PDB file of N, CA and C in Angstrom:
ATOM      1  N   UNK A   1      42.027  63.660  29.104  1.00  0.00           N
ATOM      2  CA  UNK A   1      40.711  64.090  28.636  1.00  0.00           C
ATOM      3  C   UNK A   1      40.501  65.563  29.005  1.00  0.00           C
ATOM      4  N   UNK A   2      40.066  66.312  28.032  1.00  0.00           N
ATOM      5  CA  UNK A   2      39.762  67.728  28.294  1.00  0.00           C
ATOM      6  C   UNK A   2      38.505  68.156  27.559  1.00  0.00           C
ATOM      7  N   UNK A   3      37.694  68.937  28.253  1.00  0.00           N
ATOM      8  CA  UNK A   3      36.587  69.655  27.652  1.00  0.00           C
ATOM      9  C   UNK A   3      36.790  71.118  28.024  1.00  0.00           C
ATOM     10  N   UNK A   4      36.964  71.961  27.027  1.00  0.00           N
ATOM     11  CA  UNK A   4      37.266  73.355  27.268  1.00  0.00           C
ATOM     12  C   UNK A   4      36.187  74.236  26.663  1.00  0.00           C
ATOM     13  N   UNK A   5      35.401  74.863  27.559  1.00  0.00           N
ATOM     14  CA  UNK A   5      34.325  75.746  27.100  1.00  0.00           C
ATOM     15  C   UNK A   5      34.879  77.147  26.845  1.00  0.00           C
ATOM     16  N   UNK A   6      34.243  77.842  25.919  1.00  0.00           N
ATOM     17  CA  UNK A   6      34.589  79.228  25.643  1.00  0.00           C
ATOM     18  C   UNK A   6      33.362  79.919  25.087  1.00  0.00           C
ATOM     19  N   UNK A   7      33.429  81.247  25.017  1.00  0.00           N
ATOM     20  CA  UNK A   7      32.347  82.007  24.417  1.00  0.00           C
ATOM     21  C   UNK A   7      31.409  82.694  25.367  1.00  0.00           C
ATOM     22  N   UNK A   8      31.591  82.467  26.658  1.00  0.00           N
ATOM     23  CA  UNK A   8      30.748  83.155  27.629  1.00  0.00           C
ATOM     24  C   UNK A   8      31.081  84.632  27.708  1.00  0.00           C
ATOM     25  N   UNK A   9      30.270  85.359  28.428  1.00  0.00           N
ATOM     26  CA  UNK A   9      30.510  86.773  28.579  1.00  0.00           C
ATOM     27  C   UNK A   9      29.292  87.515  29.100  1.00  0.00           C
ATOM     28  N   UNK A  10      29.385  88.812  29.034  1.00  0.00           N
ATOM     29  CA  UNK A  10      28.301  89.707  29.504  1.00  0.00           C
ATOM     30  C   UNK A  10      27.553  90.260  28.290  1.00  0.00           C
ATOM     31  N   UNK A  11      26.244  90.031  28.269  1.00  0.00           N
ATOM     32  CA  UNK A  11      25.413  90.555  27.176  1.00  0.00           C
ATOM     33  C   UNK A  11      24.150  91.170  27.784  1.00  0.00           C
ATOM     34  N   UNK A  12      23.493  91.978  26.974  1.00  0.00           N
ATOM     35  CA  UNK A  12      22.242  92.568  27.380  1.00  0.00           C
ATOM     36  C   UNK A  12      21.076  91.628  26.995  1.00  0.00           C
ATOM     37  N   UNK A  13      19.963  91.763  27.679  1.00  0.00           N
ATOM     38  CA  UNK A  13      18.789  90.960  27.301  1.00  0.00           C
ATOM     39  C   UNK A  13      18.471  91.134  25.831  1.00  0.00           C
ATOM     40  N   UNK A  14      18.126  90.034  25.196  1.00  0.00           N
ATOM     41  CA  UNK A  14      17.815  90.033  23.780  1.00  0.00           C
ATOM     42  C   UNK A  14      18.977  89.751  22.853  1.00  0.00           C
ATOM     43  N   UNK A  15      20.164  89.818  23.393  1.00  0.00           N
ATOM     44  CA  UNK A  15      21.359  89.562  22.585  1.00  0.00           C
ATOM     45  C   UNK A  15      21.665  88.080  22.489  1.00  0.00           C
ATOM     46  N   UNK A  16      22.725  87.762  21.746  1.00  0.00           N
ATOM     47  CA  UNK A  16      23.086  86.371  21.489  1.00  0.00           C
ATOM     48  C   UNK A  16      24.512  86.078  21.933  1.00  0.00           C
ATOM     49  N   UNK A  17      24.752  84.821  22.201  1.00  0.00           N
ATOM     50  CA  UNK A  17      26.089  84.304  22.454  1.00  0.00           C
ATOM     51  C   UNK A  17      26.185  82.906  21.837  1.00  0.00           C
ATOM     52  N   UNK A  18      27.383  82.553  21.460  1.00  0.00           N
ATOM     53  CA  UNK A  18      27.642  81.202  20.983  1.00  0.00           C
ATOM     54  C   UNK A  18      28.738  80.587  21.847  1.00  0.00           C
ATOM     55  N   UNK A  19      28.376  79.535  22.563  1.00  0.00           N
ATOM     56  CA  UNK A  19      29.341  78.815  23.355  1.00  0.00           C
ATOM     57  C   UNK A  19      29.952  77.676  22.547  1.00  0.00           C
ATOM     58  N   UNK A  20      31.206  77.411  22.825  1.00  0.00           N
ATOM     59  CA  UNK A  20      31.900  76.300  22.189  1.00  0.00           C
ATOM     60  C   UNK A  20      32.511  75.429  23.259  1.00  0.00           C
ATOM     61  N   UNK A  21      32.625  74.150  22.951  1.00  0.00           N
ATOM     62  CA  UNK A  21      33.306  73.221  23.847  1.00  0.00           C
ATOM     63  C   UNK A  21      34.201  72.325  23.012  1.00  0.00           C
ATOM     64  N   UNK A  22      35.492  72.512  23.182  1.00  0.00           N
ATOM     65  CA  UNK A  22      36.474  71.729  22.441  1.00  0.00           C
ATOM     66  C   UNK A  22      36.903  70.533  23.237  1.00  0.00           C
ATOM     67  N   UNK A  23      36.786  69.355  22.630  1.00  0.00           N
ATOM     68  CA  UNK A  23      37.085  68.106  23.337  1.00  0.00           C
ATOM     69  C   UNK A  23      38.371  67.487  22.837  1.00  0.00           C
ATOM     70  N   UNK A  24      39.053  66.803  23.733  1.00  0.00           N
ATOM     71  CA  UNK A  24      40.261  66.071  23.362  1.00  0.00           C
ATOM     72  C   UNK A  24      40.474  64.929  24.333  1.00  0.00           C
ATOM     73  N   UNK A  25      41.214  63.921  23.869  1.00  0.00           N
ATOM     74  CA  UNK A  25      41.572  62.820  24.753  1.00  0.00           C
ATOM     75  C   UNK A  25      40.616  61.647  24.780  1.00  0.00           C
ATOM     76  N   UNK A  26      39.535  61.729  24.010  1.00  0.00           N
ATOM     77  CA  UNK A  26      38.607  60.603  23.906  1.00  0.00           C
ATOM     78  C   UNK A  26      37.959  60.650  22.524  1.00  0.00           C
ATOM     79  N   UNK A  27      37.223  59.586  22.201  1.00  0.00           N
ATOM     80  CA  UNK A  27      36.614  59.494  20.887  1.00  0.00           C
ATOM     81  C   UNK A  27      35.310  60.313  20.884  1.00  0.00           C
ATOM     82  N   UNK A  28      35.456  61.550  20.513  1.00  0.00           N
ATOM     83  CA  UNK A  28      34.357  62.519  20.603  1.00  0.00           C
ATOM     84  C   UNK A  28      33.117  62.030  19.868  1.00  0.00           C
ATOM     85  N   UNK A  29      33.310  61.452  18.695  1.00  0.00           N
ATOM     86  CA  UNK A  29      32.173  61.059  17.871  1.00  0.00           C
ATOM     87  C   UNK A  29      31.376  59.905  18.469  1.00  0.00           C
ATOM     88  N   UNK A  30      31.880  59.274  19.496  1.00  0.00           N
ATOM     89  CA  UNK A  30      31.184  58.165  20.138  1.00  0.00           C
ATOM     90  C   UNK A  30      30.375  58.626  21.339  1.00  0.00           C
ATOM     91  N   UNK A  31      30.409  59.871  21.662  1.00  0.00           N
ATOM     92  CA  UNK A  31      29.802  60.397  22.861  1.00  0.00           C
ATOM     93  C   UNK A  31      28.665  61.348  22.547  1.00  0.00           C
ATOM     94  N   UNK A  32      27.544  61.176  23.266  1.00  0.00           N
ATOM     95  CA  UNK A  32      26.542  62.212  23.277  1.00  0.00           C
ATOM     96  C   UNK A  32      27.105  63.408  24.066  1.00  0.00           C
ATOM     97  N   UNK A  33      26.609  64.587  23.721  1.00  0.00           N
ATOM     98  CA  UNK A  33      27.114  65.793  24.376  1.00  0.00           C
ATOM     99  C   UNK A  33      25.954  66.597  24.933  1.00  0.00           C
ATOM    100  N   UNK A  34      26.186  67.170  26.092  1.00  0.00           N
ATOM    101  CA  UNK A  34      25.151  67.976  26.751  1.00  0.00           C
ATOM    102  C   UNK A  34      25.746  69.319  27.166  1.00  0.00           C
ATOM    103  N   UNK A  35      24.845  70.277  27.265  1.00  0.00           N
ATOM    104  CA  UNK A  35      25.150  71.552  27.935  1.00  0.00           C
ATOM    105  C   UNK A  35      24.271  71.648  29.163  1.00  0.00           C
ATOM    106  N   UNK A  36      24.901  71.896  30.295  1.00  0.00           N
ATOM    107  CA  UNK A  36      24.216  72.153  31.551  1.00  0.00           C
ATOM    108  C   UNK A  36      24.488  73.600  31.948  1.00  0.00           C
ATOM    109  N   UNK A  37      23.657  74.100  32.836  1.00  0.00           N
ATOM    110  CA  UNK A  37      23.958  75.396  33.445  1.00  0.00           C
ATOM    111  C   UNK A  37      23.626  75.342  34.935  1.00  0.00           C
ATOM    112  N   UNK A  38      24.337  76.210  35.670  1.00  0.00           N
ATOM    113  CA  UNK A  38      24.098  76.312  37.106  1.00  0.00           C
ATOM    114  C   UNK A  38      24.144  77.756  37.516  1.00  0.00           C
ATOM    115  N   UNK A  39      23.019  78.244  38.006  1.00  0.00           N
ATOM    116  CA  UNK A  39      22.922  79.599  38.509  1.00  0.00           C
ATOM    117  C   UNK A  39      23.261  79.588  40.001  1.00  0.00           C
ATOM    118  N   UNK A  40      23.662  80.743  40.553  1.00  0.00           N
ATOM    119  CA  UNK A  40      24.009  80.803  41.976  1.00  0.00           C
ATOM    120  C   UNK A  40      22.853  80.290  42.857  1.00  0.00           C
ATOM    121  N   UNK A  41      23.177  79.400  43.760  1.00  0.00           N
ATOM    122  CA  UNK A  41      22.172  78.886  44.685  1.00  0.00           C
ATOM    123  C   UNK A  41      21.240  77.849  44.115  1.00  0.00           C
ATOM    124  N   UNK A  42      21.466  77.430  42.888  1.00  0.00           N
ATOM    125  CA  UNK A  42      20.585  76.460  42.245  1.00  0.00           C
ATOM    126  C   UNK A  42      21.362  75.222  41.816  1.00  0.00           C
ATOM    127  N   UNK A  43      20.637  74.172  41.517  1.00  0.00           N
ATOM    128  CA  UNK A  43      21.266  72.962  41.036  1.00  0.00           C
ATOM    129  C   UNK A  43      21.635  73.053  39.576  1.00  0.00           C
ATOM    130  N   UNK A  44      22.385  72.081  39.116  1.00  0.00           N
ATOM    131  CA  UNK A  44      22.797  72.032  37.718  1.00  0.00           C
ATOM    132  C   UNK A  44      21.629  71.521  36.867  1.00  0.00           C
ATOM    133  N   UNK A  45      21.346  72.259  35.807  1.00  0.00           N
ATOM    134  CA  UNK A  45      20.192  71.987  34.958  1.00  0.00           C
ATOM    135  C   UNK A  45      20.647  71.588  33.559  1.00  0.00           C
ATOM    136  N   UNK A  46      20.090  70.485  33.052  1.00  0.00           N
ATOM    137  CA  UNK A  46      20.373  70.084  31.673  1.00  0.00           C
ATOM    138  C   UNK A  46      19.639  71.029  30.733  1.00  0.00           C
ATOM    139  N   UNK A  47      20.380  71.731  29.910  1.00  0.00           N
ATOM    140  CA  UNK A  47      19.805  72.716  29.003  1.00  0.00           C
ATOM    141  C   UNK A  47      19.542  72.129  27.621  1.00  0.00           C
ATOM    142  N   UNK A  48      20.520  71.394  27.107  1.00  0.00           N
ATOM    143  CA  UNK A  48      20.401  70.850  25.752  1.00  0.00           C
ATOM    144  C   UNK A  48      21.301  69.639  25.625  1.00  0.00           C
ATOM    145  N   UNK A  49      20.895  68.710  24.741  1.00  0.00           N
ATOM    146  CA  UNK A  49      21.723  67.553  24.479  1.00  0.00           C
ATOM    147  C   UNK A  49      21.690  67.213  22.988  1.00  0.00           C
ATOM    148  N   UNK A  50      22.723  66.506  22.549  1.00  0.00           N
ATOM    149  CA  UNK A  50      22.810  66.102  21.153  1.00  0.00           C
ATOM    150  C   UNK A  50      23.422  64.706  21.099  1.00  0.00           C
ATOM    151  N   UNK A  51      22.891  63.896  20.223  1.00  0.00           N
ATOM    152  CA  UNK A  51      23.400  62.521  20.103  1.00  0.00           C
ATOM    153  C   UNK A  51      24.782  62.512  19.484  1.00  0.00           C
ATOM    154  N   UNK A  52      25.396  61.353  19.507  1.00  0.00           N
ATOM    155  CA  UNK A  52      26.804  61.250  19.067  1.00  0.00           C
ATOM    156  C   UNK A  52      26.988  61.655  17.596  1.00  0.00           C
ATOM    157  N   UNK A  53      26.037  61.309  16.757  1.00  0.00           N
ATOM    158  CA  UNK A  53      26.133  61.666  15.334  1.00  0.00           C
ATOM    159  C   UNK A  53      25.470  62.981  15.014  1.00  0.00           C
ATOM    160  N   UNK A  54      24.786  63.532  15.989  1.00  0.00           N
ATOM    161  CA  UNK A  54      24.145  64.838  15.792  1.00  0.00           C
ATOM    162  C   UNK A  54      22.723  64.785  15.265  1.00  0.00           C
ATOM    163  N   UNK A  55      22.192  63.596  15.123  1.00  0.00           N
ATOM    164  CA  UNK A  55      20.872  63.489  14.504  1.00  0.00           C
ATOM    165  C   UNK A  55      19.709  63.731  15.428  1.00  0.00           C
ATOM    166  N   UNK A  56      19.991  63.755  16.716  1.00  0.00           N
ATOM    167  CA  UNK A  56      18.924  63.935  17.703  1.00  0.00           C
ATOM    168  C   UNK A  56      19.331  64.986  18.713  1.00  0.00           C
ATOM    169  N   UNK A  57      18.434  65.892  18.987  1.00  0.00           N
ATOM    170  CA  UNK A  57      18.678  66.943  19.977  1.00  0.00           C
ATOM    171  C   UNK A  57      17.501  67.038  20.937  1.00  0.00           C
ATOM    172  N   UNK A  58      17.763  67.583  22.100  1.00  0.00           N
ATOM    173  CA  UNK A  58      16.692  67.829  23.042  1.00  0.00           C
ATOM    174  C   UNK A  58      17.018  69.078  23.859  1.00  0.00           C
ATOM    175  N   UNK A  59      15.986  69.725  24.342  1.00  0.00           N
ATOM    176  CA  UNK A  59      16.119  70.994  25.044  1.00  0.00           C
ATOM    177  C   UNK A  59      15.177  71.055  26.237  1.00  0.00           C
ATOM    178  N   UNK A  60      15.603  71.767  27.255  1.00  0.00           N
ATOM    179  CA  UNK A  60      14.678  72.081  28.336  1.00  0.00           C
ATOM    180  C   UNK A  60      13.659  73.087  27.786  1.00  0.00           C
ATOM    181  N   UNK A  61      12.452  73.029  28.296  1.00  0.00           N
ATOM    182  CA  UNK A  61      11.377  73.840  27.725  1.00  0.00           C
ATOM    183  C   UNK A  61      11.709  75.342  27.717  1.00  0.00           C
ATOM    184  N   UNK A  62      12.403  75.792  28.721  1.00  0.00           N
ATOM    185  CA  UNK A  62      12.634  77.234  28.862  1.00  0.00           C
ATOM    186  C   UNK A  62      13.550  77.811  27.786  1.00  0.00           C
ATOM    187  N   UNK A  63      14.247  76.966  27.038  1.00  0.00           N
ATOM    188  CA  UNK A  63      15.141  77.486  25.990  1.00  0.00           C
ATOM    189  C   UNK A  63      14.711  77.066  24.602  1.00  0.00           C
ATOM    190  N   UNK A  64      13.684  76.282  24.494  1.00  0.00           N
ATOM    191  CA  UNK A  64      13.234  75.835  23.170  1.00  0.00           C
ATOM    192  C   UNK A  64      12.885  77.028  22.291  1.00  0.00           C
ATOM    193  N   UNK A  65      13.344  76.992  21.062  1.00  0.00           N
ATOM    194  CA  UNK A  65      13.105  78.088  20.131  1.00  0.00           C
ATOM    195  C   UNK A  65      14.116  79.216  20.218  1.00  0.00           C
ATOM    196  N   UNK A  66      14.943  79.202  21.273  1.00  0.00           N
ATOM    197  CA  UNK A  66      15.962  80.242  21.450  1.00  0.00           C
ATOM    198  C   UNK A  66      17.378  79.708  21.356  1.00  0.00           C
ATOM    199  N   UNK A  67      17.598  78.492  21.851  1.00  0.00           N
ATOM    200  CA  UNK A  67      18.927  77.887  21.868  1.00  0.00           C
ATOM    201  C   UNK A  67      18.988  76.762  20.853  1.00  0.00           C
ATOM    202  N   UNK A  68      20.170  76.608  20.261  1.00  0.00           N
ATOM    203  CA  UNK A  68      20.407  75.511  19.336  1.00  0.00           C
ATOM    204  C   UNK A  68      21.742  74.849  19.654  1.00  0.00           C
ATOM    205  N   UNK A  69      21.682  73.531  19.865  1.00  0.00           N
ATOM    206  CA  UNK A  69      22.921  72.780  20.100  1.00  0.00           C
ATOM    207  C   UNK A  69      23.326  72.126  18.775  1.00  0.00           C
ATOM    208  N   UNK A  70      24.605  72.099  18.525  1.00  0.00           N
ATOM    209  CA  UNK A  70      25.128  71.460  17.308  1.00  0.00           C
ATOM    210  C   UNK A  70      26.515  70.931  17.603  1.00  0.00           C
ATOM    211  N   UNK A  71      27.017  70.122  16.706  1.00  0.00           N
ATOM    212  CA  UNK A  71      28.356  69.581  16.889  1.00  0.00           C
ATOM    213  C   UNK A  71      29.057  69.406  15.566  1.00  0.00           C
ATOM    214  N   UNK A  72      30.373  69.451  15.612  1.00  0.00           N
ATOM    215  CA  UNK A  72      31.201  69.190  14.459  1.00  0.00           C
ATOM    216  C   UNK A  72      32.189  68.094  14.854  1.00  0.00           C
ATOM    217  N   UNK A  73      31.886  66.881  14.469  1.00  0.00           N
ATOM    218  CA  UNK A  73      32.747  65.757  14.884  1.00  0.00           C
ATOM    219  C   UNK A  73      34.121  65.813  14.256  1.00  0.00           C
ATOM    220  N   UNK A  74      34.253  66.511  13.139  1.00  0.00           N
ATOM    221  CA  UNK A  74      35.572  66.662  12.530  1.00  0.00           C
ATOM    222  C   UNK A  74      36.442  67.600  13.332  1.00  0.00           C
ATOM    223  N   UNK A  75      35.809  68.501  14.064  1.00  0.00           N
ATOM    224  CA  UNK A  75      36.568  69.455  14.899  1.00  0.00           C
ATOM    225  C   UNK A  75      36.499  69.117  16.374  1.00  0.00           C
ATOM    226  N   UNK A  76      35.840  68.016  16.714  1.00  0.00           N
ATOM    227  CA  UNK A  76      35.714  67.618  18.121  1.00  0.00           C
ATOM    228  C   UNK A  76      35.149  68.749  18.981  1.00  0.00           C
ATOM    229  N   UNK A  77      34.123  69.381  18.469  1.00  0.00           N
ATOM    230  CA  UNK A  77      33.588  70.554  19.131  1.00  0.00           C
ATOM    231  C   UNK A  77      32.041  70.509  19.133  1.00  0.00           C
ATOM    232  N   UNK A  78      31.491  70.927  20.249  1.00  0.00           N
ATOM    233  CA  UNK A  78      30.032  71.075  20.386  1.00  0.00           C
ATOM    234  C   UNK A  78      29.763  72.551  20.640  1.00  0.00           C
ATOM    235  N   UNK A  79      28.643  73.016  20.135  1.00  0.00           N
ATOM    236  CA  UNK A  79      28.296  74.419  20.220  1.00  0.00           C
ATOM    237  C   UNK A  79      26.916  74.601  20.885  1.00  0.00           C
ATOM    238  N   UNK A  80      26.717  75.776  21.473  1.00  0.00           N
ATOM    239  CA  UNK A  80      25.397  76.140  21.928  1.00  0.00           C
ATOM    240  C   UNK A  80      25.162  77.578  21.478  1.00  0.00           C
ATOM    241  N   UNK A  81      24.299  77.737  20.465  1.00  0.00           N
ATOM    242  CA  UNK A  81      23.908  79.055  20.018  1.00  0.00           C
ATOM    243  C   UNK A  81      22.741  79.542  20.890  1.00  0.00           C
ATOM    244  N   UNK A  82      22.926  80.654  21.530  1.00  0.00           N
ATOM    245  CA  UNK A  82      21.919  81.180  22.445  1.00  0.00           C
ATOM    246  C   UNK A  82      21.445  82.524  21.929  1.00  0.00           C
ATOM    247  N   UNK A  83      20.193  82.564  21.550  1.00  0.00           N
ATOM    248  CA  UNK A  83      19.603  83.802  21.044  1.00  0.00           C
ATOM    249  C   UNK A  83      18.547  84.322  22.030  1.00  0.00           C
ATOM    250  N   UNK A  84      18.193  85.577  21.863  1.00  0.00           N
ATOM    251  CA  UNK A  84      17.161  86.201  22.695  1.00  0.00           C
ATOM    252  C   UNK A  84      17.393  85.909  24.177  1.00  0.00           C
ATOM    253  N   UNK A  85      18.601  86.145  24.612  1.00  0.00           N
ATOM    254  CA  UNK A  85      18.969  85.811  26.006  1.00  0.00           C
ATOM    255  C   UNK A  85      18.154  86.642  26.990  1.00  0.00           C
ATOM    256  N   UNK A  86      17.843  85.990  28.096  1.00  0.00           N
ATOM    257  CA  UNK A  86      17.061  86.586  29.168  1.00  0.00           C
ATOM    258  C   UNK A  86      17.912  86.623  30.443  1.00  0.00           C
ATOM    259  N   UNK A  87      17.596  87.477  31.372  1.00  0.00           N
ATOM    260  CA  UNK A  87      18.342  87.511  32.640  1.00  0.00           C
ATOM    261  C   UNK A  87      18.353  86.145  33.324  1.00  0.00           C
ATOM    262  N   UNK A  88      17.276  85.399  33.208  1.00  0.00           N
ATOM    263  CA  UNK A  88      17.216  84.083  33.834  1.00  0.00           C
ATOM    264  C   UNK A  88      18.086  83.023  33.182  1.00  0.00           C
ATOM    265  N   UNK A  89      18.676  83.350  32.034  1.00  0.00           N
ATOM    266  CA  UNK A  89      19.637  82.455  31.395  1.00  0.00           C
ATOM    267  C   UNK A  89      21.039  82.580  31.986  1.00  0.00           C
ATOM    268  N   UNK A  90      21.246  83.602  32.809  1.00  0.00           N
ATOM    269  CA  UNK A  90      22.569  83.822  33.396  1.00  0.00           C
ATOM    270  C   UNK A  90      22.954  82.657  34.296  1.00  0.00           C
ATOM    271  N   UNK A  91      24.139  82.136  34.090  1.00  0.00           N
ATOM    272  CA  UNK A  91      24.620  80.978  34.834  1.00  0.00           C
ATOM    273  C   UNK A  91      26.017  80.636  34.366  1.00  0.00           C
ATOM    274  N   UNK A  92      26.625  79.677  35.049  1.00  0.00           N
ATOM    275  CA  UNK A  92      27.808  79.044  34.514  1.00  0.00           C
ATOM    276  C   UNK A  92      27.355  77.869  33.656  1.00  0.00           C
ATOM    277  N   UNK A  93      27.815  77.823  32.425  1.00  0.00           N
ATOM    278  CA  UNK A  93      27.430  76.792  31.479  1.00  0.00           C
ATOM    279  C   UNK A  93      28.551  75.748  31.371  1.00  0.00           C
ATOM    280  N   UNK A  94      28.156  74.484  31.505  1.00  0.00           N
ATOM    281  CA  UNK A  94      29.100  73.389  31.493  1.00  0.00           C
ATOM    282  C   UNK A  94      28.848  72.460  30.310  1.00  0.00           C
ATOM    283  N   UNK A  95      29.911  71.985  29.735  1.00  0.00           N
ATOM    284  CA  UNK A  95      29.868  70.985  28.685  1.00  0.00           C
ATOM    285  C   UNK A  95      30.042  69.614  29.332  1.00  0.00           C
ATOM    286  N   UNK A  96      29.281  68.641  28.856  1.00  0.00           N
ATOM    287  CA  UNK A  96      29.319  67.288  29.434  1.00  0.00           C
ATOM    288  C   UNK A  96      29.323  66.265  28.293  1.00  0.00           C
ATOM    289  N   UNK A  97      30.227  65.304  28.392  1.00  0.00           N
ATOM    290  CA  UNK A  97      30.269  64.206  27.415  1.00  0.00           C
ATOM    291  C   UNK A  97      29.803  62.936  28.094  1.00  0.00           C
ATOM    292  N   UNK A  98      28.927  62.202  27.431  1.00  0.00           N
ATOM    293  CA  UNK A  98      28.370  60.990  27.994  1.00  0.00           C
ATOM    294  C   UNK A  98      28.554  59.813  27.034  1.00  0.00           C
ATOM    295  N   UNK A  99      29.189  58.787  27.527  1.00  0.00           N
ATOM    296  CA  UNK A  99      29.420  57.596  26.727  1.00  0.00           C
ATOM    297  C   UNK A  99      29.865  56.475  27.642  1.00  0.00           C
ATOM    298  N   UNK A 100      30.990  55.871  27.315  1.00  0.00           N
ATOM    299  CA  UNK A 100      31.549  54.854  28.216  1.00  0.00           C
ATOM    300  C   UNK A 100      31.873  55.481  29.566  1.00  0.00           C
ATOM    301  N   UNK A 101      32.234  56.738  29.514  1.00  0.00           N
ATOM    302  CA  UNK A 101      32.516  57.543  30.712  1.00  0.00           C
ATOM    303  C   UNK A 101      31.754  58.843  30.607  1.00  0.00           C
ATOM    304  N   UNK A 102      31.805  59.602  31.689  1.00  0.00           N
ATOM    305  CA  UNK A 102      31.211  60.950  31.674  1.00  0.00           C
ATOM    306  C   UNK A 102      32.298  61.961  32.009  1.00  0.00           C
ATOM    307  N   UNK A 103      32.375  62.989  31.181  1.00  0.00           N
ATOM    308  CA  UNK A 103      33.394  64.020  31.392  1.00  0.00           C
ATOM    309  C   UNK A 103      32.737  65.377  31.463  1.00  0.00           C
ATOM    310  N   UNK A 104      33.387  66.274  32.211  1.00  0.00           N
ATOM    311  CA  UNK A 104      32.865  67.623  32.389  1.00  0.00           C
ATOM    312  C   UNK A 104      33.941  68.666  32.086  1.00  0.00           C
ATOM    313  N   UNK A 105      33.500  69.770  31.561  1.00  0.00           N
ATOM    314  CA  UNK A 105      34.373  70.916  31.408  1.00  0.00           C
ATOM    315  C   UNK A 105      34.375  71.759  32.672  1.00  0.00           C
ATOM    316  N   UNK A 106      35.154  72.845  32.617  1.00  0.00           N
ATOM    317  CA  UNK A 106      35.306  73.699  33.809  1.00  0.00           C
ATOM    318  C   UNK A 106      34.248  74.782  33.871  1.00  0.00           C
ATOM    319  N   UNK A 107      33.512  74.983  32.812  1.00  0.00           N
ATOM    320  CA  UNK A 107      32.426  75.955  32.797  1.00  0.00           C
ATOM    321  C   UNK A 107      32.823  77.307  32.223  1.00  0.00           C
ATOM    322  N   UNK A 108      31.824  78.010  31.720  1.00  0.00           N
ATOM    323  CA  UNK A 108      32.029  79.364  31.220  1.00  0.00           C
ATOM    324  C   UNK A 108      30.864  80.214  31.679  1.00  0.00           C
ATOM    325  N   UNK A 109      31.153  81.407  32.152  1.00  0.00           N
ATOM    326  CA  UNK A 109      30.148  82.266  32.745  1.00  0.00           C
ATOM    327  C   UNK A 109      29.348  83.031  31.687  1.00  0.00           C
ATOM    328  N   UNK A 110      28.067  83.005  31.825  1.00  0.00           N
ATOM    329  CA  UNK A 110      27.193  83.801  30.974  1.00  0.00           C
ATOM    330  C   UNK A 110      26.429  84.762  31.888  1.00  0.00           C
ATOM    331  N   UNK A 111      26.549  86.028  31.621  1.00  0.00           N
ATOM    332  CA  UNK A 111      25.850  87.059  32.401  1.00  0.00           C
ATOM    333  C   UNK A 111      24.947  87.848  31.458  1.00  0.00           C
ATOM    334  N   UNK A 112      23.694  87.966  31.827  1.00  0.00           N
ATOM    335  CA  UNK A 112      22.713  88.689  31.005  1.00  0.00           C
ATOM    336  C   UNK A 112      22.158  89.809  31.870  1.00  0.00           C
ATOM    337  N   UNK A 113      22.526  91.016  31.534  1.00  0.00           N
ATOM    338  CA  UNK A 113      22.134  92.145  32.366  1.00  0.00           C
ATOM    339  C   UNK A 113      22.140  93.424  31.551  1.00  0.00           C
ATOM    340  N   UNK A 114      21.195  94.294  31.852  1.00  0.00           N
ATOM    341  CA  UNK A 114      21.164  95.573  31.199  1.00  0.00           C
ATOM    342  C   UNK A 114      21.924  96.616  32.013  1.00  0.00           C
TER     343      UNK A 114
END
């Protein structure tokens, strides 16, 4: 089983990033997918989630209207489009699969700084 995040980087406030998480080794379409983030010295926070078929999504209040989670079950990939990034969005972002088991990726760093 692998979850491999990509797309992180350094951006200025107001800019955008698109994170991707490529899954393998399990039946991706049977799993709900989440994006978490963890800033230095803080706990892991659920940022966004999407149901297995993609018909239902949820977001933490602080990212509503700015972030969009989506998935492509044909490509075994989940995405997080992040717009209007703020310094407080800076963190390591983790992909999480939830179903019969729970799997985690290794994380990708997002830095928002001018």
